[in-house]
Amino acid sequence: MQRDPHWQRSRRLVMTEEFDFEKNMKNLKQIVSKLENGDLPIDEALKNFEQGVKISSSLKKYLDDAQKKIDENLSQLNLDSQRKGDQDEV
């Protein structure tokens, strides 16, 4: 199964500084609002839904990456604290 090139681009953007979380969140909210309104023709609603899924996936990836960075930093901080504690005991 071949991945959608738009999906691959969105993953690359998440991993770079180009990704604007707030802008993408705003776009997702606008899409949800349009879909909830129910006035879109089915083809346009489907396109909006697909775009919303892609944005949602990118936002989740961004948050997952941020959580991973936080966890790594906390682990390093704990490791540094343990080392300092070990040195103080000597």
C-alpha atoms as a PDB file:
ATOM      1  CA  MET A   1       0.000   0.000   0.000  1.00  0.00           C
ATOM      2  CA  GLN A   2       1.482   3.324  -1.079  1.00  0.00           C
ATOM      3  CA  ARG A   3       1.181   6.300   1.249  1.00  0.00           C
ATOM      4  CA  ASP A   4      -0.509   9.510   0.190  1.00  0.00           C
ATOM      5  CA  PRO A   5       2.193  12.068  -0.797  1.00  0.00           C
ATOM      6  CA  HIS A   6       0.245  14.796   1.021  1.00  0.00           C
ATOM      7  CA  TRP A   7       0.428  12.739   4.211  1.00  0.00           C
ATOM      8  CA  GLN A   8       4.188  12.358   3.787  1.00  0.00           C
ATOM      9  CA  ARG A   9       4.559  16.105   3.284  1.00  0.00           C
ATOM     10  CA  SER A  10       2.510  16.812   6.412  1.00  0.00           C
ATOM     11  CA  ARG A  11       4.762  14.462   8.424  1.00  0.00           C
ATOM     12  CA  ARG A  12       7.853  16.262   7.111  1.00  0.00           C
ATOM     13  CA  LEU A  13       6.362  19.629   8.043  1.00  0.00           C
ATOM     14  CA  VAL A  14       5.650  18.412  11.557  1.00  0.00           C
ATOM     15  CA  MET A  15       9.290  17.513  11.935  1.00  0.00           C
ATOM     16  CA  THR A  16      10.535  20.936  10.824  1.00  0.00           C
ATOM     17  CA  GLU A  17      10.233  24.449  12.163  1.00  0.00           C
ATOM     18  CA  GLU A  18       7.773  25.267   9.349  1.00  0.00           C
ATOM     19  CA  PHE A  19       4.882  23.622  11.188  1.00  0.00           C
ATOM     20  CA  ASP A  20       2.617  26.182  12.861  1.00  0.00           C
ATOM     21  CA  PHE A  21       0.544  24.322  15.451  1.00  0.00           C
ATOM     22  CA  GLU A  22      -1.836  27.195  16.173  1.00  0.00           C
ATOM     23  CA  LYS A  23      -2.479  27.890  12.486  1.00  0.00           C
ATOM     24  CA  ASN A  24      -3.203  24.225  11.808  1.00  0.00           C
ATOM     25  CA  MET A  25      -5.466  24.014  14.855  1.00  0.00           C
ATOM     26  CA  LYS A  26      -7.384  27.059  13.601  1.00  0.00           C
ATOM     27  CA  ASN A  27      -7.719  25.465  10.142  1.00  0.00           C
ATOM     28  CA  LEU A  28      -9.001  22.245  11.692  1.00  0.00           C
ATOM     29  CA  LYS A  29     -11.593  24.148  13.736  1.00  0.00           C
ATOM     30  CA  GLN A  30     -12.785  25.924  10.577  1.00  0.00           C
ATOM     31  CA  ILE A  31     -13.133  22.614   8.759  1.00  0.00           C
ATOM     32  CA  VAL A  32     -15.062  21.082  11.650  1.00  0.00           C
ATOM     33  CA  SER A  33     -17.347  24.114  11.724  1.00  0.00           C
ATOM     34  CA  LYS A  34     -18.053  23.808   7.979  1.00  0.00           C
ATOM     35  CA  LEU A  35     -18.797  20.107   8.327  1.00  0.00           C
ATOM     36  CA  GLU A  36     -21.044  20.605  11.350  1.00  0.00           C
ATOM     37  CA  ASN A  37     -22.980  23.285   9.487  1.00  0.00           C
ATOM     38  CA  GLY A  38     -24.071  20.624   7.005  1.00  0.00           C
ATOM     39  CA  ASP A  39     -24.489  22.962   4.023  1.00  0.00           C
ATOM     40  CA  LEU A  40     -21.608  21.599   1.926  1.00  0.00           C
ATOM     41  CA  PRO A  41     -22.177  19.467  -1.157  1.00  0.00           C
ATOM     42  CA  ILE A  42     -21.078  15.893  -0.514  1.00  0.00           C
ATOM     43  CA  ASP A  43     -17.927  16.144  -2.671  1.00  0.00           C
ATOM     44  CA  GLU A  44     -16.779  19.292  -0.900  1.00  0.00           C
ATOM     45  CA  ALA A  45     -17.643  17.801   2.495  1.00  0.00           C
ATOM     46  CA  LEU A  46     -15.550  14.730   1.682  1.00  0.00           C
ATOM     47  CA  LYS A  47     -12.574  16.876   0.620  1.00  0.00           C
ATOM     48  CA  ASN A  48     -12.875  18.915   3.812  1.00  0.00           C
ATOM     49  CA  PHE A  49     -13.122  15.758   5.892  1.00  0.00           C
ATOM     50  CA  GLU A  50      -9.991  14.297   4.271  1.00  0.00           C
ATOM     51  CA  GLN A  51      -8.105  17.548   4.820  1.00  0.00           C
ATOM     52  CA  GLY A  52      -9.271  17.593   8.440  1.00  0.00           C
ATOM     53  CA  VAL A  53      -8.013  14.047   8.986  1.00  0.00           C
ATOM     54  CA  LYS A  54      -4.601  14.998   7.563  1.00  0.00           C
ATOM     55  CA  ILE A  55      -4.374  18.101   9.738  1.00  0.00           C
ATOM     56  CA  SER A  56      -5.496  16.127  12.783  1.00  0.00           C
ATOM     57  CA  SER A  57      -2.838  13.514  12.101  1.00  0.00           C
ATOM     58  CA  SER A  58      -0.174  16.215  11.786  1.00  0.00           C
ATOM     59  CA  LEU A  59      -1.277  17.851  15.031  1.00  0.00           C
ATOM     60  CA  LYS A  60      -1.173  14.511  16.849  1.00  0.00           C
ATOM     61  CA  LYS A  61       2.300  13.787  15.472  1.00  0.00           C
ATOM     62  CA  TYR A  62       3.478  17.230  16.588  1.00  0.00           C
ATOM     63  CA  LEU A  63       2.127  16.660  20.108  1.00  0.00           C
ATOM     64  CA  ASP A  64       3.599  13.145  20.253  1.00  0.00           C
ATOM     65  CA  ASP A  65       7.001  14.532  19.224  1.00  0.00           C
ATOM     66  CA  ALA A  66       6.724  17.296  21.822  1.00  0.00           C
ATOM     67  CA  GLN A  67       5.861  14.733  24.528  1.00  0.00           C
ATOM     68  CA  LYS A  68       8.832  12.615  23.481  1.00  0.00           C
ATOM     69  CA  LYS A  69      11.161  15.636  23.779  1.00  0.00           C
ATOM     70  CA  ILE A  70       9.744  16.463  27.217  1.00  0.00           C
ATOM     71  CA  ASP A  71      10.193  12.866  28.383  1.00  0.00           C
ATOM     72  CA  GLU A  72      13.772  12.784  27.073  1.00  0.00           C
ATOM     73  CA  ASN A  73      14.613  16.052  28.820  1.00  0.00           C
ATOM     74  CA  LEU A  74      13.091  14.874  32.092  1.00  0.00           C
ATOM     75  CA  SER A  75      15.014  11.605  31.863  1.00  0.00           C
ATOM     76  CA  GLN A  76      18.238  13.510  31.277  1.00  0.00           C
ATOM     77  CA  LEU A  77      17.449  15.832  34.183  1.00  0.00           C
ATOM     78  CA  ASN A  78      16.821  12.843  36.468  1.00  0.00           C
ATOM     79  CA  LEU A  79      20.018  11.169  35.287  1.00  0.00           C
ATOM     80  CA  ASP A  80      22.009  14.349  35.901  1.00  0.00           C
ATOM     81  CA  SER A  81      20.469  14.683  39.376  1.00  0.00           C
ATOM     82  CA  GLN A  82      21.342  11.070  40.215  1.00  0.00           C
ATOM     83  CA  ARG A  83      24.926  11.570  39.071  1.00  0.00           C
ATOM     84  CA  LYS A  84      25.223  14.730  41.142  1.00  0.00           C
ATOM     85  CA  GLY A  85      23.804  12.891  44.147  1.00  0.00           C
ATOM     86  CA  ASP A  86      26.282  10.051  43.662  1.00  0.00           C
ATOM     87  CA  GLN A  87      29.175  12.528  43.490  1.00  0.00           C
ATOM     88  CA  ASP A  88      28.001  14.311  46.643  1.00  0.00           C
ATOM     89  CA  GLU A  89      28.106  11.004  48.556  1.00  0.00           C
ATOM     90  CA  VAL A  90      31.773  10.422  47.694  1.00  0.00           C
END
